[in-house]
Amino acid sequence: MRVADLRLDHARALLRRSGVDVPVAGDVPTAQELQAIIDALCELSERDALTGLPNRRAFLGRLAQELDRSSRAGETALLLMLDIDHFKSVNDRHGHLAGDAVLRAVARTLQEQVRPMDTVARLGGEEYGIVLPNCGPGAGVMLAERLRQAVAQQAIALPDGRSALHVTVSIGGAYSPAWVRSTVEHWLERADRQLYEAKRQGRNRVMIEAVPVSDVSAEEKQALFAWSDPDGLIIDPADAV
């Protein structure tokens, strides 16, 4: 297929409706114009349309990166799962436009409270996920509690312009296992289990999985990422050809 035969009007219209600036192309788009459209579509496919946050697909990729970092370098990351408490009642009492306003407001609040290196995503419905790289147990509890309080203290203006409401969130968290190979699914399951416990205990609270005490020596770390050659010598993978 020739470049001139590509039908790009739908892609350009989709990007414009999403607020993405698309370069005006001639009759035959250049390679640079095509690449700009492809890049914009890729970015759009990983964003939640309502809040502008990364969506579940993008978030799962970010979690995989942090798990790999934890297993290779021993850096601990914290995964938080958040639910807006009694969100269905917001839609039932105030309408879905009010529910959308609440979802956007909570998203903004969460983003304002985290570090630039952290990732906040909307996972679907009223559920959000946050991954905090290089976050130890002490700091993680304080950060999660700060998020909970920030959401609870926010007065969210409703679309009618005459009223505002407050919502709370339940938060569950789990740390990535340092020096251990794991899966994204298992990490999510552990954090979700803590979120369920926060809801079971009354909502509007933080529950983070306890971190087992495990001191790993330098020799043990070497053994995790090295193997023996036929002569019995330990070979570091970084030195292998």
Protein backbone atom coordinates (compact mmCIF):
# COMPACT_ATOMS: atom_id res chain seq x y z
CA MET A 1 0.00 0.00 0.00
CA ARG A 2 1.24 3.45 -0.90
CA VAL A 3 1.34 6.28 1.63
CA ALA A 4 -1.06 8.20 -0.57
CA ASP A 5 -3.63 5.41 -0.18
CA LEU A 6 -3.73 5.57 3.63
CA ARG A 7 -7.01 6.83 5.07
CA LEU A 8 -5.95 8.96 8.03
CA ASP A 9 -8.96 11.26 8.41
CA HIS A 10 -10.52 9.12 11.16
CA ALA A 11 -7.25 8.99 13.11
CA ARG A 12 -6.80 12.75 12.86
CA ALA A 13 -10.41 13.39 13.93
CA LEU A 14 -10.03 11.05 16.91
CA LEU A 15 -6.88 12.82 18.05
CA ARG A 16 -8.42 16.26 17.64
CA ARG A 17 -11.45 15.25 19.73
CA SER A 18 -9.03 14.09 22.41
CA GLY A 19 -7.29 17.47 22.47
CA VAL A 20 -4.16 16.32 20.65
CA ASP A 21 -2.58 18.75 18.18
CA VAL A 22 -2.09 16.98 14.86
CA PRO A 23 0.09 18.57 12.17
CA VAL A 24 -1.82 19.59 9.07
CA ALA A 25 -0.80 17.22 6.32
CA GLY A 26 -0.81 17.65 2.58
CA ASP A 27 -2.36 15.30 0.07
CA VAL A 28 0.50 12.86 0.65
CA PRO A 29 1.60 12.78 4.33
CA THR A 30 5.33 12.72 4.99
CA ALA A 31 7.06 10.10 7.11
CA GLN A 32 7.34 12.65 9.91
CA GLU A 33 3.59 13.35 9.81
CA LEU A 34 2.79 9.64 9.88
CA GLN A 35 5.13 9.09 12.82
CA ALA A 36 3.51 11.98 14.72
CA ILE A 37 0.08 10.38 14.24
CA ILE A 38 1.34 6.94 15.29
CA ASP A 39 3.04 8.35 18.41
CA ALA A 40 -0.10 10.29 19.38
CA LEU A 41 -2.31 7.22 18.93
CA CYS A 42 0.05 5.11 21.06
CA GLU A 43 -0.05 7.74 23.79
CA LEU A 44 -3.84 7.97 23.58
CA SER A 45 -4.21 4.18 23.87
CA GLU A 46 -2.52 4.26 27.29
CA ARG A 47 -4.56 7.12 28.77
CA ASP A 48 -7.88 7.06 30.60
CA ALA A 49 -10.25 9.30 28.67
CA LEU A 50 -12.06 10.71 31.73
CA THR A 51 -9.18 11.53 34.09
CA GLY A 52 -6.18 11.73 31.77
CA LEU A 53 -4.32 9.26 33.98
CA PRO A 54 -2.50 6.22 32.62
CA ASN A 55 -4.97 3.37 32.11
CA ARG A 56 -4.72 -0.22 33.28
CA ARG A 57 -2.67 -1.33 30.26
CA ALA A 58 -0.02 1.31 30.88
CA PHE A 59 -0.02 0.65 34.61
CA LEU A 60 0.61 -3.07 34.20
CA GLY A 61 3.65 -2.26 32.09
CA ARG A 62 4.94 0.08 34.78
CA LEU A 63 4.48 -2.60 37.44
CA ALA A 64 6.47 -5.07 35.35
CA GLN A 65 9.35 -2.58 35.18
CA GLU A 66 9.38 -2.11 38.94
CA LEU A 67 9.26 -5.85 39.61
CA ASP A 68 12.25 -6.32 37.34
CA ARG A 69 14.12 -3.54 39.16
CA SER A 70 13.33 -5.10 42.53
CA SER A 71 14.51 -8.53 41.49
CA ARG A 72 17.74 -7.26 39.94
CA ALA A 73 18.76 -4.38 42.22
CA GLY A 74 16.83 -5.07 45.42
CA GLU A 75 15.00 -1.72 45.29
CA THR A 76 11.65 -1.97 47.05
CA ALA A 77 8.57 -0.44 45.41
CA LEU A 78 5.13 -0.02 46.94
CA LEU A 79 1.93 -0.80 45.07
CA LEU A 80 -1.22 0.90 46.36
CA MET A 81 -4.77 0.03 45.33
CA LEU A 82 -7.48 2.60 46.12
CA ASP A 83 -11.27 2.51 45.95
CA ILE A 84 -13.61 5.47 46.42
CA ASP A 85 -15.89 4.47 49.29
CA HIS A 86 -19.62 4.13 48.52
CA PHE A 87 -19.14 5.55 45.04
CA LYS A 88 -22.37 4.00 43.75
CA SER A 89 -24.33 6.22 46.12
CA VAL A 90 -22.75 9.30 44.52
CA ASN A 91 -24.11 8.28 41.12
CA ASP A 92 -27.47 7.27 42.57
CA ARG A 93 -28.00 10.49 44.55
CA HIS A 94 -26.32 13.11 42.34
CA GLY A 95 -26.16 11.59 38.85
CA HIS A 96 -23.38 10.29 36.66
CA LEU A 97 -22.04 13.74 35.79
CA ALA A 98 -21.40 14.27 39.49
CA GLY A 99 -19.75 10.84 39.61
CA ASP A 100 -17.45 11.85 36.76
CA ALA A 101 -16.56 15.07 38.61
CA VAL A 102 -15.64 13.03 41.68
CA LEU A 103 -13.46 10.66 39.65
CA ARG A 104 -11.58 13.57 38.08
CA ALA A 105 -11.17 15.38 41.40
CA VAL A 106 -9.78 12.31 43.16
CA ALA A 107 -7.38 11.74 40.27
CA ARG A 108 -6.06 15.31 40.56
CA THR A 109 -5.67 15.02 44.32
CA LEU A 110 -3.72 11.78 44.06
CA GLN A 111 -1.40 13.22 41.44
CA GLU A 112 -0.74 16.30 43.55
CA GLN A 113 0.34 14.20 46.53
CA VAL A 114 2.87 11.87 44.89
CA ARG A 115 6.43 12.32 43.68
CA PRO A 116 7.32 12.89 40.00
CA MET A 117 8.73 9.36 39.81
CA ASP A 118 5.46 7.79 41.05
CA THR A 119 2.70 6.63 38.71
CA VAL A 120 -1.02 7.13 39.40
CA ALA A 121 -3.44 5.25 37.15
CA ARG A 122 -7.16 4.70 36.87
CA LEU A 123 -7.69 0.95 36.74
CA GLY A 124 -11.41 1.09 36.03
CA GLY A 125 -14.60 2.32 37.67
CA GLU A 126 -13.75 3.98 40.97
CA GLU A 127 -10.47 2.08 41.42
CA TYR A 128 -7.02 3.62 41.15
CA GLY A 129 -3.52 2.20 41.36
CA ILE A 130 -0.30 3.89 42.42
CA VAL A 131 3.22 2.51 42.20
CA LEU A 132 5.92 4.23 44.26
CA PRO A 133 9.46 3.19 43.31
CA ASN A 134 12.28 3.10 45.85
CA CYS A 135 9.82 3.34 48.74
CA GLY A 136 10.63 1.69 52.06
CA PRO A 137 8.14 0.46 54.67
CA GLY A 138 8.33 3.55 56.89
CA ALA A 139 7.82 6.07 54.10
CA GLY A 140 5.14 3.97 52.41
CA VAL A 141 2.73 4.02 55.33
CA MET A 142 3.09 7.79 55.71
CA LEU A 143 2.56 8.40 51.98
CA ALA A 144 -0.55 6.22 51.88
CA GLU A 145 -2.00 7.95 54.94
CA ARG A 146 -1.28 11.35 53.40
CA LEU A 147 -3.19 10.32 50.28
CA ARG A 148 -6.16 9.15 52.33
CA GLN A 149 -6.31 12.39 54.29
CA ALA A 150 -5.92 14.59 51.21
CA VAL A 151 -8.90 12.96 49.51
CA ALA A 152 -11.05 13.12 52.65
CA GLN A 153 -10.34 16.82 53.16
CA GLN A 154 -11.16 17.87 49.60
CA ALA A 155 -14.48 19.57 48.89
CA ILE A 156 -15.50 18.45 45.40
CA ALA A 157 -17.64 20.92 43.46
CA LEU A 158 -20.54 19.28 41.66
CA PRO A 159 -21.62 20.22 38.11
CA ASP A 160 -24.68 22.11 39.34
CA GLY A 161 -22.33 24.72 40.81
CA ARG A 162 -24.43 24.98 43.97
CA SER A 163 -23.18 22.06 46.02
CA ALA A 164 -20.05 20.14 46.95
CA LEU A 165 -19.40 16.84 48.64
CA HIS A 166 -16.66 14.92 50.37
CA VAL A 167 -15.62 11.36 49.62
CA THR A 168 -13.17 8.98 51.25
CA VAL A 169 -10.98 6.20 49.92
CA SER A 170 -9.89 2.80 51.18
CA ILE A 171 -6.27 1.91 50.45
CA GLY A 172 -4.49 -1.42 50.34
CA GLY A 173 -0.80 -1.88 49.64
CA ALA A 174 1.95 -4.43 49.13
CA TYR A 175 5.70 -4.09 48.58
CA SER A 176 7.60 -5.65 45.72
CA PRO A 177 9.77 -8.57 46.85
CA ALA A 178 13.44 -7.57 46.73
CA TRP A 179 15.83 -10.02 45.03
CA VAL A 180 12.93 -12.35 44.20
CA ARG A 181 11.31 -13.09 40.85
CA SER A 182 7.55 -12.57 41.05
CA THR A 183 4.64 -11.70 38.77
CA VAL A 184 2.51 -8.62 38.29
CA GLU A 185 -0.60 -10.69 38.93
CA HIS A 186 0.68 -11.88 42.31
CA TRP A 187 1.66 -8.35 43.32
CA LEU A 188 -1.77 -7.02 42.39
CA GLU A 189 -3.45 -9.86 44.26
CA ARG A 190 -1.49 -9.10 47.45
CA ALA A 191 -2.36 -5.39 47.32
CA ASP A 192 -5.99 -6.13 46.49
CA ARG A 193 -6.20 -8.43 49.50
CA GLN A 194 -5.17 -5.52 51.73
CA LEU A 195 -7.70 -3.25 50.03
CA TYR A 196 -10.43 -5.78 50.78
CA GLU A 197 -9.32 -5.85 54.41
CA ALA A 198 -9.46 -2.03 54.62
CA LYS A 199 -13.05 -2.15 53.37
CA ARG A 200 -13.94 -4.99 55.72
CA GLN A 201 -12.69 -3.00 58.69
CA GLY A 202 -14.91 -0.02 57.91
CA ARG A 203 -13.40 1.80 54.91
CA ASN A 204 -11.58 5.16 54.90
CA ARG A 205 -8.39 3.52 56.14
CA VAL A 206 -5.00 2.22 55.01
CA MET A 207 -3.93 -1.41 55.18
CA ILE A 208 -0.44 -2.35 53.97
CA GLU A 209 0.95 -5.86 53.97
CA ALA A 210 3.68 -6.40 56.57
CA VAL A 211 7.17 -6.72 55.13
CA PRO A 212 8.99 -9.87 56.26
CA VAL A 213 12.41 -9.26 57.76
CA SER A 214 14.96 -10.86 55.48
CA ASP A 215 18.62 -9.90 55.48
CA VAL A 216 20.33 -10.95 52.27
CA SER A 217 24.10 -11.03 52.33
CA ALA A 218 26.31 -9.98 49.45
CA GLU A 219 27.18 -13.64 48.84
CA GLU A 220 23.49 -14.58 48.69
CA LYS A 221 22.78 -11.75 46.27
CA GLN A 222 25.63 -12.98 44.08
CA ALA A 223 24.21 -16.49 44.14
CA LEU A 224 20.81 -15.26 43.02
CA PHE A 225 22.18 -13.81 39.80
CA ALA A 226 25.16 -16.02 39.07
CA TRP A 227 25.84 -19.58 38.06
CA SER A 228 28.74 -22.05 38.09
CA ASP A 229 30.79 -23.06 35.08
CA PRO A 230 31.99 -26.64 34.60
CA ASP A 231 35.17 -25.86 36.57
CA GLY A 232 33.15 -24.76 39.60
CA LEU A 233 33.81 -21.03 39.21
CA ILE A 234 31.07 -18.50 39.91
CA ILE A 235 30.29 -16.41 36.85
CA ASP A 236 28.47 -13.10 37.10
CA PRO A 237 25.90 -12.74 34.26
CA ALA A 238 27.14 -9.19 33.64
CA ASP A 239 30.56 -10.61 32.77
CA ALA A 240 29.25 -13.35 30.52
CA VAL A 241 29.65 -13.01 26.78
